[in-house]
Amino acid sequence: MSARRLIVASLLSFGLALGLSTTACSGPEIDPKEPQTAAARARKEAEENGELPPKGKNWGGWRYQGDRKECFYVFGRKCFKTEAEACAAAKCSKGSKCISNGGGPATVECR
């Protein structure tokens, strides 16, 4: 009879230890409204800062016409490899000068 009590007591103590260990290791409470990944958190912060378009609006994809790998200068929506090509497309009138500013790609305009 004492062996049976010993087995029951050891099973009960094992069950109690197992229950306490799973409760202690469960970690903090997770708010389902908060982002669960780093990418989701960055997206939420960008939306809050106004860096992303409002929901329902899509930016589309590539915004300029031309070869994406050689888009160093832009005039209008067209890409050019060199500043000279972009300035030629701008067709600046006499008395105005072709200026490029910015980068990645640089915008070309007549001033």
PDB file of N, CA and C in Angstrom:
ATOM      1  N   MET A   1       0.805  -1.181   0.000  1.00  0.00           N
ATOM      2  CA  MET A   1       0.000   0.000   0.000  1.00  0.00           C
ATOM      3  C   MET A   1       0.860   1.262   0.000  1.00  0.00           C
ATOM      4  N   SER A   2       1.965   1.208   0.671  1.00  0.00           N
ATOM      5  CA  SER A   2       2.821   2.380   0.735  1.00  0.00           C
ATOM      6  C   SER A   2       3.481   2.640  -0.628  1.00  0.00           C
ATOM      7  N   ALA A   3       3.744   1.616  -1.409  1.00  0.00           N
ATOM      8  CA  ALA A   3       4.323   1.803  -2.740  1.00  0.00           C
ATOM      9  C   ALA A   3       3.323   2.500  -3.656  1.00  0.00           C
ATOM     10  N   ARG A   4       2.038   2.149  -3.506  1.00  0.00           N
ATOM     11  CA  ARG A   4       0.995   2.771  -4.320  1.00  0.00           C
ATOM     12  C   ARG A   4       0.887   4.258  -3.970  1.00  0.00           C
ATOM     13  N   ARG A   5       0.937   4.603  -2.692  1.00  0.00           N
ATOM     14  CA  ARG A   5       0.875   5.999  -2.269  1.00  0.00           C
ATOM     15  C   ARG A   5       2.097   6.771  -2.763  1.00  0.00           C
ATOM     16  N   LEU A   6       3.219   6.146  -2.751  1.00  0.00           N
ATOM     17  CA  LEU A   6       4.441   6.782  -3.218  1.00  0.00           C
ATOM     18  C   LEU A   6       4.344   7.103  -4.710  1.00  0.00           C
ATOM     19  N   ILE A   7       3.804   6.181  -5.505  1.00  0.00           N
ATOM     20  CA  ILE A   7       3.644   6.397  -6.945  1.00  0.00           C
ATOM     21  C   ILE A   7       2.657   7.531  -7.199  1.00  0.00           C
ATOM     22  N   VAL A   8       1.528   7.518  -6.494  1.00  0.00           N
ATOM     23  CA  VAL A   8       0.514   8.564  -6.663  1.00  0.00           C
ATOM     24  C   VAL A   8       1.086   9.928  -6.261  1.00  0.00           C
ATOM     25  N   ALA A   9       1.821   9.967  -5.173  1.00  0.00           N
ATOM     26  CA  ALA A   9       2.393  11.224  -4.708  1.00  0.00           C
ATOM     27  C   ALA A   9       3.426  11.747  -5.707  1.00  0.00           C
ATOM     28  N   SER A  10       4.230  10.846  -6.258  1.00  0.00           N
ATOM     29  CA  SER A  10       5.239  11.295  -7.218  1.00  0.00           C
ATOM     30  C   SER A  10       4.575  11.774  -8.514  1.00  0.00           C
ATOM     31  N   LEU A  11       3.496  11.117  -8.960  1.00  0.00           N
ATOM     32  CA  LEU A  11       2.777  11.565 -10.152  1.00  0.00           C
ATOM     33  C   LEU A  11       2.132  12.931  -9.921  1.00  0.00           C
ATOM     34  N   LEU A  12       1.561  13.134  -8.747  1.00  0.00           N
ATOM     35  CA  LEU A  12       0.950  14.416  -8.432  1.00  0.00           C
ATOM     36  C   LEU A  12       2.001  15.532  -8.385  1.00  0.00           C
ATOM     37  N   SER A  13       3.134  15.252  -7.780  1.00  0.00           N
ATOM     38  CA  SER A  13       4.183  16.271  -7.699  1.00  0.00           C
ATOM     39  C   SER A  13       4.752  16.570  -9.094  1.00  0.00           C
ATOM     40  N   PHE A  14       4.875  15.559  -9.958  1.00  0.00           N
ATOM     41  CA  PHE A  14       5.330  15.765 -11.327  1.00  0.00           C
ATOM     42  C   PHE A  14       4.330  16.617 -12.105  1.00  0.00           C
ATOM     43  N   GLY A  15       3.043  16.320 -11.973  1.00  0.00           N
ATOM     44  CA  GLY A  15       2.006  17.102 -12.643  1.00  0.00           C
ATOM     45  C   GLY A  15       1.994  18.546 -12.171  1.00  0.00           C
ATOM     46  N   LEU A  16       2.164  18.755 -10.866  1.00  0.00           N
ATOM     47  CA  LEU A  16       2.206  20.101 -10.316  1.00  0.00           C
ATOM     48  C   LEU A  16       3.433  20.852 -10.831  1.00  0.00           C
ATOM     49  N   ALA A  17       4.580  20.208 -10.870  1.00  0.00           N
ATOM     50  CA  ALA A  17       5.803  20.844 -11.368  1.00  0.00           C
ATOM     51  C   ALA A  17       5.676  21.181 -12.852  1.00  0.00           C
ATOM     52  N   LEU A  18       5.086  20.288 -13.633  1.00  0.00           N
ATOM     53  CA  LEU A  18       4.886  20.521 -15.056  1.00  0.00           C
ATOM     54  C   LEU A  18       3.937  21.693 -15.274  1.00  0.00           C
ATOM     55  N   GLY A  19       2.863  21.757 -14.520  1.00  0.00           N
ATOM     56  CA  GLY A  19       1.908  22.862 -14.633  1.00  0.00           C
ATOM     57  C   GLY A  19       2.528  24.198 -14.274  1.00  0.00           C
ATOM     58  N   LEU A  20       3.334  24.225 -13.229  1.00  0.00           N
ATOM     59  CA  LEU A  20       3.980  25.473 -12.823  1.00  0.00           C
ATOM     60  C   LEU A  20       5.031  25.917 -13.834  1.00  0.00           C
ATOM     61  N   SER A  21       5.750  24.965 -14.416  1.00  0.00           N
ATOM     62  CA  SER A  21       6.795  25.330 -15.361  1.00  0.00           C
ATOM     63  C   SER A  21       6.199  25.911 -16.642  1.00  0.00           C
ATOM     64  N   THR A  22       5.093  25.381 -17.129  1.00  0.00           N
ATOM     65  CA  THR A  22       4.481  25.931 -18.337  1.00  0.00           C
ATOM     66  C   THR A  22       3.863  27.286 -18.069  1.00  0.00           C
ATOM     67  N   THR A  23       3.350  27.513 -16.867  1.00  0.00           N
ATOM     68  CA  THR A  23       2.790  28.815 -16.521  1.00  0.00           C
ATOM     69  C   THR A  23       3.901  29.849 -16.392  1.00  0.00           C
ATOM     70  N   ALA A  24       5.018  29.482 -15.792  1.00  0.00           N
ATOM     71  CA  ALA A  24       6.115  30.415 -15.580  1.00  0.00           C
ATOM     72  C   ALA A  24       6.828  30.770 -16.880  1.00  0.00           C
ATOM     73  N   CYS A  25       6.829  29.883 -17.871  1.00  0.00           N
ATOM     74  CA  CYS A  25       7.559  30.111 -19.113  1.00  0.00           C
ATOM     75  C   CYS A  25       6.686  30.670 -20.232  1.00  0.00           C
ATOM     76  N   SER A  26       5.475  31.060 -19.930  1.00  0.00           N
ATOM     77  CA  SER A  26       4.585  31.493 -20.999  1.00  0.00           C
ATOM     78  C   SER A  26       4.954  32.862 -21.542  1.00  0.00           C
ATOM     79  N   GLY A  27       5.695  33.678 -20.820  1.00  0.00           N
ATOM     80  CA  GLY A  27       6.130  34.978 -21.316  1.00  0.00           C
ATOM     81  C   GLY A  27       5.086  36.040 -21.078  1.00  0.00           C
ATOM     82  N   PRO A  28       5.352  37.251 -21.568  1.00  0.00           N
ATOM     83  CA  PRO A  28       4.432  38.356 -21.333  1.00  0.00           C
ATOM     84  C   PRO A  28       3.171  38.229 -22.180  1.00  0.00           C
ATOM     85  N   GLU A  29       2.151  38.931 -21.747  1.00  0.00           N
ATOM     86  CA  GLU A  29       0.909  38.961 -22.514  1.00  0.00           C
ATOM     87  C   GLU A  29       1.153  39.691 -23.829  1.00  0.00           C
ATOM     88  N   ILE A  30       0.600  39.201 -24.936  1.00  0.00           N
ATOM     89  CA  ILE A  30       0.777  39.816 -26.247  1.00  0.00           C
ATOM     90  C   ILE A  30      -0.531  40.490 -26.640  1.00  0.00           C
ATOM     91  N   ASP A  31      -0.434  41.785 -26.971  1.00  0.00           N
ATOM     92  CA  ASP A  31      -1.599  42.540 -27.410  1.00  0.00           C
ATOM     93  C   ASP A  31      -1.842  42.234 -28.885  1.00  0.00           C
ATOM     94  N   PRO A  32      -2.986  41.662 -29.246  1.00  0.00           N
ATOM     95  CA  PRO A  32      -3.229  41.306 -30.651  1.00  0.00           C
ATOM     96  C   PRO A  32      -3.330  42.526 -31.570  1.00  0.00           C
ATOM     97  N   LYS A  33      -3.543  43.722 -31.014  1.00  0.00           N
ATOM     98  CA  LYS A  33      -3.650  44.925 -31.842  1.00  0.00           C
ATOM     99  C   LYS A  33      -2.277  45.463 -32.246  1.00  0.00           C
ATOM    100  N   GLU A  34      -1.241  45.093 -31.517  1.00  0.00           N
ATOM    101  CA  GLU A  34       0.109  45.554 -31.816  1.00  0.00           C
ATOM    102  C   GLU A  34       0.743  44.676 -32.890  1.00  0.00           C
ATOM    103  N   PRO A  35       1.662  45.236 -33.714  1.00  0.00           N
ATOM    104  CA  PRO A  35       2.348  44.425 -34.730  1.00  0.00           C
ATOM    105  C   PRO A  35       3.179  43.324 -34.091  1.00  0.00           C
ATOM    106  N   GLN A  36       3.191  42.164 -34.714  1.00  0.00           N
ATOM    107  CA  GLN A  36       3.879  41.002 -34.162  1.00  0.00           C
ATOM    108  C   GLN A  36       5.263  40.786 -34.752  1.00  0.00           C
ATOM    109  N   THR A  37       5.588  41.463 -35.872  1.00  0.00           N
ATOM    110  CA  THR A  37       6.895  41.298 -36.498  1.00  0.00           C
ATOM    111  C   THR A  37       7.551  42.670 -36.680  1.00  0.00           C
ATOM    112  N   ALA A  38       8.842  42.665 -36.953  1.00  0.00           N
ATOM    113  CA  ALA A  38       9.563  43.922 -37.166  1.00  0.00           C
ATOM    114  C   ALA A  38       9.068  44.626 -38.424  1.00  0.00           C
ATOM    115  N   ALA A  39       8.760  43.859 -39.469  1.00  0.00           N
ATOM    116  CA  ALA A  39       8.266  44.458 -40.713  1.00  0.00           C
ATOM    117  C   ALA A  39       6.904  45.118 -40.488  1.00  0.00           C
ATOM    118  N   ALA A  40       6.039  44.465 -39.740  1.00  0.00           N
ATOM    119  CA  ALA A  40       4.725  45.037 -39.452  1.00  0.00           C
ATOM    120  C   ALA A  40       4.859  46.295 -38.596  1.00  0.00           C
ATOM    121  N   ARG A  41       5.787  46.279 -37.662  1.00  0.00           N
ATOM    122  CA  ARG A  41       6.017  47.463 -36.821  1.00  0.00           C
ATOM    123  C   ARG A  41       6.540  48.627 -37.659  1.00  0.00           C
ATOM    124  N   ALA A  42       7.479  48.360 -38.573  1.00  0.00           N
ATOM    125  CA  ALA A  42       8.015  49.416 -39.440  1.00  0.00           C
ATOM    126  C   ALA A  42       6.928  49.978 -40.345  1.00  0.00           C
ATOM    127  N   ARG A  43       6.060  49.104 -40.881  1.00  0.00           N
ATOM    128  CA  ARG A  43       4.958  49.543 -41.734  1.00  0.00           C
ATOM    129  C   ARG A  43       3.994  50.436 -40.953  1.00  0.00           C
ATOM    130  N   LYS A  44       3.694  50.044 -39.710  1.00  0.00           N
ATOM    131  CA  LYS A  44       2.781  50.830 -38.877  1.00  0.00           C
ATOM    132  C   LYS A  44       3.382  52.204 -38.579  1.00  0.00           C
ATOM    133  N   GLU A  45       4.673  52.255 -38.248  1.00  0.00           N
ATOM    134  CA  GLU A  45       5.335  53.532 -37.967  1.00  0.00           C
ATOM    135  C   GLU A  45       5.374  54.414 -39.210  1.00  0.00           C
ATOM    136  N   ALA A  46       5.610  53.818 -40.380  1.00  0.00           N
ATOM    137  CA  ALA A  46       5.632  54.590 -41.626  1.00  0.00           C
ATOM    138  C   ALA A  46       4.247  55.162 -41.931  1.00  0.00           C
ATOM    139  N   GLU A  47       3.194  54.388 -41.680  1.00  0.00           N
ATOM    140  CA  GLU A  47       1.834  54.889 -41.879  1.00  0.00           C
ATOM    141  C   GLU A  47       1.539  56.045 -40.934  1.00  0.00           C
ATOM    142  N   GLU A  48       1.987  55.919 -39.685  1.00  0.00           N
ATOM    143  CA  GLU A  48       1.741  56.981 -38.708  1.00  0.00           C
ATOM    144  C   GLU A  48       2.501  58.252 -39.053  1.00  0.00           C
ATOM    145  N   ASN A  49       3.683  58.112 -39.661  1.00  0.00           N
ATOM    146  CA  ASN A  49       4.493  59.274 -40.030  1.00  0.00           C
ATOM    147  C   ASN A  49       4.106  59.850 -41.390  1.00  0.00           C
ATOM    148  N   GLY A  50       3.151  59.219 -42.074  1.00  0.00           N
ATOM    149  CA  GLY A  50       2.724  59.705 -43.384  1.00  0.00           C
ATOM    150  C   GLY A  50       3.666  59.348 -44.510  1.00  0.00           C
ATOM    151  N   GLU A  51       4.489  58.351 -44.328  1.00  0.00           N
ATOM    152  CA  GLU A  51       5.448  57.943 -45.346  1.00  0.00           C
ATOM    153  C   GLU A  51       4.869  56.935 -46.338  1.00  0.00           C
ATOM    154  N   LEU A  52       3.727  56.374 -46.038  1.00  0.00           N
ATOM    155  CA  LEU A  52       3.069  55.423 -46.937  1.00  0.00           C
ATOM    156  C   LEU A  52       1.764  56.038 -47.426  1.00  0.00           C
ATOM    157  N   PRO A  53       1.289  55.605 -48.597  1.00  0.00           N
ATOM    158  CA  PRO A  53       0.012  56.140 -49.069  1.00  0.00           C
ATOM    159  C   PRO A  53      -1.123  55.668 -48.169  1.00  0.00           C
ATOM    160  N   PRO A  54      -2.234  56.401 -48.137  1.00  0.00           N
ATOM    161  CA  PRO A  54      -3.377  55.953 -47.331  1.00  0.00           C
ATOM    162  C   PRO A  54      -3.863  54.594 -47.796  1.00  0.00           C
ATOM    163  N   LYS A  55      -4.530  53.887 -46.907  1.00  0.00           N
ATOM    164  CA  LYS A  55      -5.029  52.558 -47.263  1.00  0.00           C
ATOM    165  C   LYS A  55      -6.005  52.668 -48.434  1.00  0.00           C
ATOM    166  N   GLY A  56      -5.913  51.713 -49.320  1.00  0.00           N
ATOM    167  CA  GLY A  56      -6.762  51.711 -50.498  1.00  0.00           C
ATOM    168  C   GLY A  56      -6.091  52.356 -51.700  1.00  0.00           C
ATOM    169  N   LYS A  57      -5.026  53.109 -51.489  1.00  0.00           N
ATOM    170  CA  LYS A  57      -4.292  53.729 -52.590  1.00  0.00           C
ATOM    171  C   LYS A  57      -3.022  52.923 -52.807  1.00  0.00           C
ATOM    172  N   ASN A  58      -2.679  52.707 -54.053  1.00  0.00           N
ATOM    173  CA  ASN A  58      -1.497  51.922 -54.383  1.00  0.00           C
ATOM    174  C   ASN A  58      -0.570  52.772 -55.231  1.00  0.00           C
ATOM    175  N   TRP A  59       0.709  52.782 -54.897  1.00  0.00           N
ATOM    176  CA  TRP A  59       1.680  53.545 -55.657  1.00  0.00           C
ATOM    177  C   TRP A  59       1.984  52.906 -56.997  1.00  0.00           C
ATOM    178  N   GLY A  60       1.591  51.710 -57.187  1.00  0.00           N
ATOM    179  CA  GLY A  60       1.911  51.039 -58.436  1.00  0.00           C
ATOM    180  C   GLY A  60       3.273  50.390 -58.351  1.00  0.00           C
ATOM    181  N   GLY A  61       4.087  50.599 -59.316  1.00  0.00           N
ATOM    182  CA  GLY A  61       5.402  49.989 -59.308  1.00  0.00           C
ATOM    183  C   GLY A  61       6.430  50.999 -59.728  1.00  0.00           C
ATOM    184  N   TRP A  62       7.151  50.700 -60.765  1.00  0.00           N
ATOM    185  CA  TRP A  62       8.182  51.568 -61.297  1.00  0.00           C
ATOM    186  C   TRP A  62       7.519  52.857 -61.761  1.00  0.00           C
ATOM    187  N   ARG A  63       8.016  54.017 -61.291  1.00  0.00           N
ATOM    188  CA  ARG A  63       7.334  55.270 -61.583  1.00  0.00           C
ATOM    189  C   ARG A  63       7.843  55.992 -62.819  1.00  0.00           C
ATOM    190  N   TYR A  64       8.962  55.585 -63.379  1.00  0.00           N
ATOM    191  CA  TYR A  64       9.508  56.279 -64.534  1.00  0.00           C
ATOM    192  C   TYR A  64       9.516  55.367 -65.745  1.00  0.00           C
ATOM    193  N   GLN A  65       9.558  55.977 -66.928  1.00  0.00           N
ATOM    194  CA  GLN A  65       9.664  55.210 -68.164  1.00  0.00           C
ATOM    195  C   GLN A  65      11.130  55.077 -68.519  1.00  0.00           C
ATOM    196  N   GLY A  66      11.520  53.935 -68.999  1.00  0.00           N
ATOM    197  CA  GLY A  66      12.902  53.712 -69.403  1.00  0.00           C
ATOM    198  C   GLY A  66      13.525  52.569 -68.618  1.00  0.00           C
ATOM    199  N   ASP A  67      14.805  52.376 -68.880  1.00  0.00           N
ATOM    200  CA  ASP A  67      15.539  51.272 -68.256  1.00  0.00           C
ATOM    201  C   ASP A  67      15.830  51.594 -66.796  1.00  0.00           C
ATOM    202  N   ARG A  68      15.362  50.757 -65.917  1.00  0.00           N
ATOM    203  CA  ARG A  68      15.510  50.976 -64.476  1.00  0.00           C
ATOM    204  C   ARG A  68      16.973  50.954 -64.037  1.00  0.00           C
ATOM    205  N   LYS A  69      17.789  50.128 -64.682  1.00  0.00           N
ATOM    206  CA  LYS A  69      19.195  49.993 -64.291  1.00  0.00           C
ATOM    207  C   LYS A  69      20.038  51.185 -64.721  1.00  0.00           C
ATOM    208  N   GLU A  70      19.564  51.949 -65.687  1.00  0.00           N
ATOM    209  CA  GLU A  70      20.324  53.094 -66.188  1.00  0.00           C
ATOM    210  C   GLU A  70      19.556  54.397 -65.986  1.00  0.00           C
ATOM    211  N   CYS A  71      18.803  54.500 -64.916  1.00  0.00           N
ATOM    212  CA  CYS A  71      17.998  55.687 -64.640  1.00  0.00           C
ATOM    213  C   CYS A  71      18.757  56.594 -63.665  1.00  0.00           C
ATOM    214  N   PHE A  72      19.642  57.449 -64.214  1.00  0.00           N
ATOM    215  CA  PHE A  72      20.445  58.340 -63.376  1.00  0.00           C
ATOM    216  C   PHE A  72      19.907  59.767 -63.381  1.00  0.00           C
ATOM    217  N   TYR A  73      19.236  60.161 -64.484  1.00  0.00           N
ATOM    218  CA  TYR A  73      18.644  61.495 -64.608  1.00  0.00           C
ATOM    219  C   TYR A  73      17.214  61.346 -65.106  1.00  0.00           C
ATOM    220  N   VAL A  74      16.321  62.215 -64.636  1.00  0.00           N
ATOM    221  CA  VAL A  74      14.910  62.136 -65.011  1.00  0.00           C
ATOM    222  C   VAL A  74      14.445  63.502 -65.484  1.00  0.00           C
ATOM    223  N   PHE A  75      13.730  63.504 -66.593  1.00  0.00           N
ATOM    224  CA  PHE A  75      13.008  64.692 -67.026  1.00  0.00           C
ATOM    225  C   PHE A  75      11.573  64.243 -67.276  1.00  0.00           C
ATOM    226  N   GLY A  76      10.640  64.851 -66.572  1.00  0.00           N
ATOM    227  CA  GLY A  76       9.259  64.377 -66.624  1.00  0.00           C
ATOM    228  C   GLY A  76       9.199  63.008 -65.982  1.00  0.00           C
ATOM    229  N   ARG A  77       8.755  62.011 -66.740  1.00  0.00           N
ATOM    230  CA  ARG A  77       8.724  60.642 -66.231  1.00  0.00           C
ATOM    231  C   ARG A  77       9.678  59.738 -66.980  1.00  0.00           C
ATOM    232  N   LYS A  78      10.561  60.323 -67.782  1.00  0.00           N
ATOM    233  CA  LYS A  78      11.471  59.533 -68.615  1.00  0.00           C
ATOM    234  C   LYS A  78      12.867  59.505 -68.001  1.00  0.00           C
ATOM    235  N   CYS A  79      13.487  58.335 -68.014  1.00  0.00           N
ATOM    236  CA  CYS A  79      14.834  58.128 -67.472  1.00  0.00           C
ATOM    237  C   CYS A  79      15.889  58.315 -68.555  1.00  0.00           C
ATOM    238  N   PHE A  80      17.063  58.806 -68.121  1.00  0.00           N
ATOM    239  CA  PHE A  80      18.196  58.965 -69.018  1.00  0.00           C
ATOM    240  C   PHE A  80      19.454  58.508 -68.306  1.00  0.00           C
ATOM    241  N   LYS A  81      20.411  58.033 -69.115  1.00  0.00           N
ATOM    242  CA  LYS A  81      21.673  57.542 -68.558  1.00  0.00           C
ATOM    243  C   LYS A  81      22.620  58.689 -68.243  1.00  0.00           C
ATOM    244  N   THR A  82      22.630  59.737 -69.088  1.00  0.00           N
ATOM    245  CA  THR A  82      23.548  60.860 -68.882  1.00  0.00           C
ATOM    246  C   THR A  82      22.768  62.156 -68.716  1.00  0.00           C
ATOM    247  N   GLU A  83      23.433  63.122 -68.113  1.00  0.00           N
ATOM    248  CA  GLU A  83      22.820  64.442 -67.914  1.00  0.00           C
ATOM    249  C   GLU A  83      22.611  65.134 -69.259  1.00  0.00           C
ATOM    250  N   ALA A  84      23.537  64.931 -70.198  1.00  0.00           N
ATOM    251  CA  ALA A  84      23.427  65.556 -71.522  1.00  0.00           C
ATOM    252  C   ALA A  84      22.165  65.073 -72.249  1.00  0.00           C
ATOM    253  N   GLU A  85      21.865  63.783 -72.159  1.00  0.00           N
ATOM    254  CA  GLU A  85      20.659  63.239 -72.795  1.00  0.00           C
ATOM    255  C   GLU A  85      19.401  63.828 -72.161  1.00  0.00           C
ATOM    256  N   ALA A  86      19.401  63.935 -70.847  1.00  0.00           N
ATOM    257  CA  ALA A  86      18.242  64.488 -70.146  1.00  0.00           C
ATOM    258  C   ALA A  86      18.048  65.957 -70.484  1.00  0.00           C
ATOM    259  N   CYS A  87      19.145  66.719 -70.562  1.00  0.00           N
ATOM    260  CA  CYS A  87      19.047  68.137 -70.907  1.00  0.00           C
ATOM    261  C   CYS A  87      18.586  68.324 -72.352  1.00  0.00           C
ATOM    262  N   ALA A  88      19.005  67.429 -73.237  1.00  0.00           N
ATOM    263  CA  ALA A  88      18.556  67.501 -74.632  1.00  0.00           C
ATOM    264  C   ALA A  88      17.051  67.256 -74.709  1.00  0.00           C
ATOM    265  N   ALA A  89      16.543  66.361 -73.901  1.00  0.00           N
ATOM    266  CA  ALA A  89      15.105  66.089 -73.885  1.00  0.00           C
ATOM    267  C   ALA A  89      14.324  67.247 -73.269  1.00  0.00           C
ATOM    268  N   ALA A  90      14.948  67.983 -72.357  1.00  0.00           N
ATOM    269  CA  ALA A  90      14.280  69.116 -71.715  1.00  0.00           C
ATOM    270  C   ALA A  90      14.095  70.273 -72.687  1.00  0.00           C
ATOM    271  N   LYS A  91      14.973  70.399 -73.672  1.00  0.00           N
ATOM    272  CA  LYS A  91      14.899  71.447 -74.694  1.00  0.00           C
ATOM    273  C   LYS A  91      14.739  72.821 -74.060  1.00  0.00           C
ATOM    274  N   CYS A  92      15.707  73.177 -73.251  1.00  0.00           N
ATOM    275  CA  CYS A  92      15.668  74.483 -72.579  1.00  0.00           C
ATOM    276  C   CYS A  92      15.764  75.601 -73.611  1.00  0.00           C
ATOM    277  N   SER A  93      14.972  76.650 -73.404  1.00  0.00           N
ATOM    278  CA  SER A  93      14.986  77.791 -74.324  1.00  0.00           C
ATOM    279  C   SER A  93      16.229  78.633 -74.089  1.00  0.00           C
ATOM    280  N   LYS A  94      16.508  79.519 -75.039  1.00  0.00           N
ATOM    281  CA  LYS A  94      17.685  80.383 -74.896  1.00  0.00           C
ATOM    282  C   LYS A  94      17.489  81.271 -73.682  1.00  0.00           C
ATOM    283  N   GLY A  95      18.544  81.457 -72.947  1.00  0.00           N
ATOM    284  CA  GLY A  95      18.487  82.269 -71.739  1.00  0.00           C
ATOM    285  C   GLY A  95      18.225  81.445 -70.487  1.00  0.00           C
ATOM    286  N   SER A  96      17.810  80.191 -70.652  1.00  0.00           N
ATOM    287  CA  SER A  96      17.635  79.316 -69.487  1.00  0.00           C
ATOM    288  C   SER A  96      18.713  78.246 -69.506  1.00  0.00           C
ATOM    289  N   LYS A  97      18.969  77.716 -68.354  1.00  0.00           N
ATOM    290  CA  LYS A  97      20.055  76.750 -68.196  1.00  0.00           C
ATOM    291  C   LYS A  97      19.479  75.430 -67.692  1.00  0.00           C
ATOM    292  N   CYS A  98      20.047  74.330 -68.157  1.00  0.00           N
ATOM    293  CA  CYS A  98      19.625  73.000 -67.708  1.00  0.00           C
ATOM    294  C   CYS A  98      20.336  72.689 -66.393  1.00  0.00           C
ATOM    295  N   ILE A  99      19.541  72.411 -65.359  1.00  0.00           N
ATOM    296  CA  ILE A  99      20.085  72.141 -64.025  1.00  0.00           C
ATOM    297  C   ILE A  99      19.566  70.793 -63.544  1.00  0.00           C
ATOM    298  N   SER A 100      20.453  70.012 -62.937  1.00  0.00           N
ATOM    299  CA  SER A 100      20.024  68.749 -62.317  1.00  0.00           C
ATOM    300  C   SER A 100      20.208  68.873 -60.817  1.00  0.00           C
ATOM    301  N   ASN A 101      19.238  68.387 -60.073  1.00  0.00           N
ATOM    302  CA  ASN A 101      19.347  68.425 -58.611  1.00  0.00           C
ATOM    303  C   ASN A 101      18.786  67.141 -58.023  1.00  0.00           C
ATOM    304  N   GLY A 102      19.206  66.852 -56.821  1.00  0.00           N
ATOM    305  CA  GLY A 102      18.774  65.631 -56.158  1.00  0.00           C
ATOM    306  C   GLY A 102      19.608  64.459 -56.619  1.00  0.00           C
ATOM    307  N   GLY A 103      19.137  63.295 -56.311  1.00  0.00           N
ATOM    308  CA  GLY A 103      19.860  62.103 -56.707  1.00  0.00           C
ATOM    309  C   GLY A 103      18.999  60.882 -56.565  1.00  0.00           C
ATOM    310  N   GLY A 104      19.352  59.871 -57.268  1.00  0.00           N
ATOM    311  CA  GLY A 104      18.704  58.573 -57.201  1.00  0.00           C
ATOM    312  C   GLY A 104      17.305  58.512 -57.743  1.00  0.00           C
ATOM    313  N   PRO A 105      16.969  58.932 -58.886  1.00  0.00           N
ATOM    314  CA  PRO A 105      17.677  59.661 -59.935  1.00  0.00           C
ATOM    315  C   PRO A 105      17.562  61.171 -59.743  1.00  0.00           C
ATOM    316  N   ALA A 106      18.501  61.913 -60.341  1.00  0.00           N
ATOM    317  CA  ALA A 106      18.494  63.380 -60.265  1.00  0.00           C
ATOM    318  C   ALA A 106      17.442  63.928 -61.220  1.00  0.00           C
ATOM    319  N   THR A 107      16.770  64.979 -60.808  1.00  0.00           N
ATOM    320  CA  THR A 107      15.737  65.612 -61.616  1.00  0.00           C
ATOM    321  C   THR A 107      16.361  66.726 -62.440  1.00  0.00           C
ATOM    322  N   VAL A 108      16.028  66.779 -63.725  1.00  0.00           N
ATOM    323  CA  VAL A 108      16.557  67.793 -64.622  1.00  0.00           C
ATOM    324  C   VAL A 108      15.449  68.809 -64.901  1.00  0.00           C
ATOM    325  N   GLU A 109      15.811  70.111 -64.852  1.00  0.00           N
ATOM    326  CA  GLU A 109      14.836  71.157 -65.157  1.00  0.00           C
ATOM    327  C   GLU A 109      15.543  72.346 -65.791  1.00  0.00           C
ATOM    328  N   CYS A 110      14.771  73.199 -66.425  1.00  0.00           N
ATOM    329  CA  CYS A 110      15.299  74.408 -67.061  1.00  0.00           C
ATOM    330  C   CYS A 110      15.073  75.590 -66.142  1.00  0.00           C
ATOM    331  N   ARG A 111      16.115  76.410 -65.935  1.00  0.00           N
ATOM    332  CA  ARG A 111      15.989  77.629 -65.126  1.00  0.00           C
ATOM    333  C   ARG A 111      16.663  78.770 -65.826  1.00  0.00           C
TER     334      ARG A 111
END
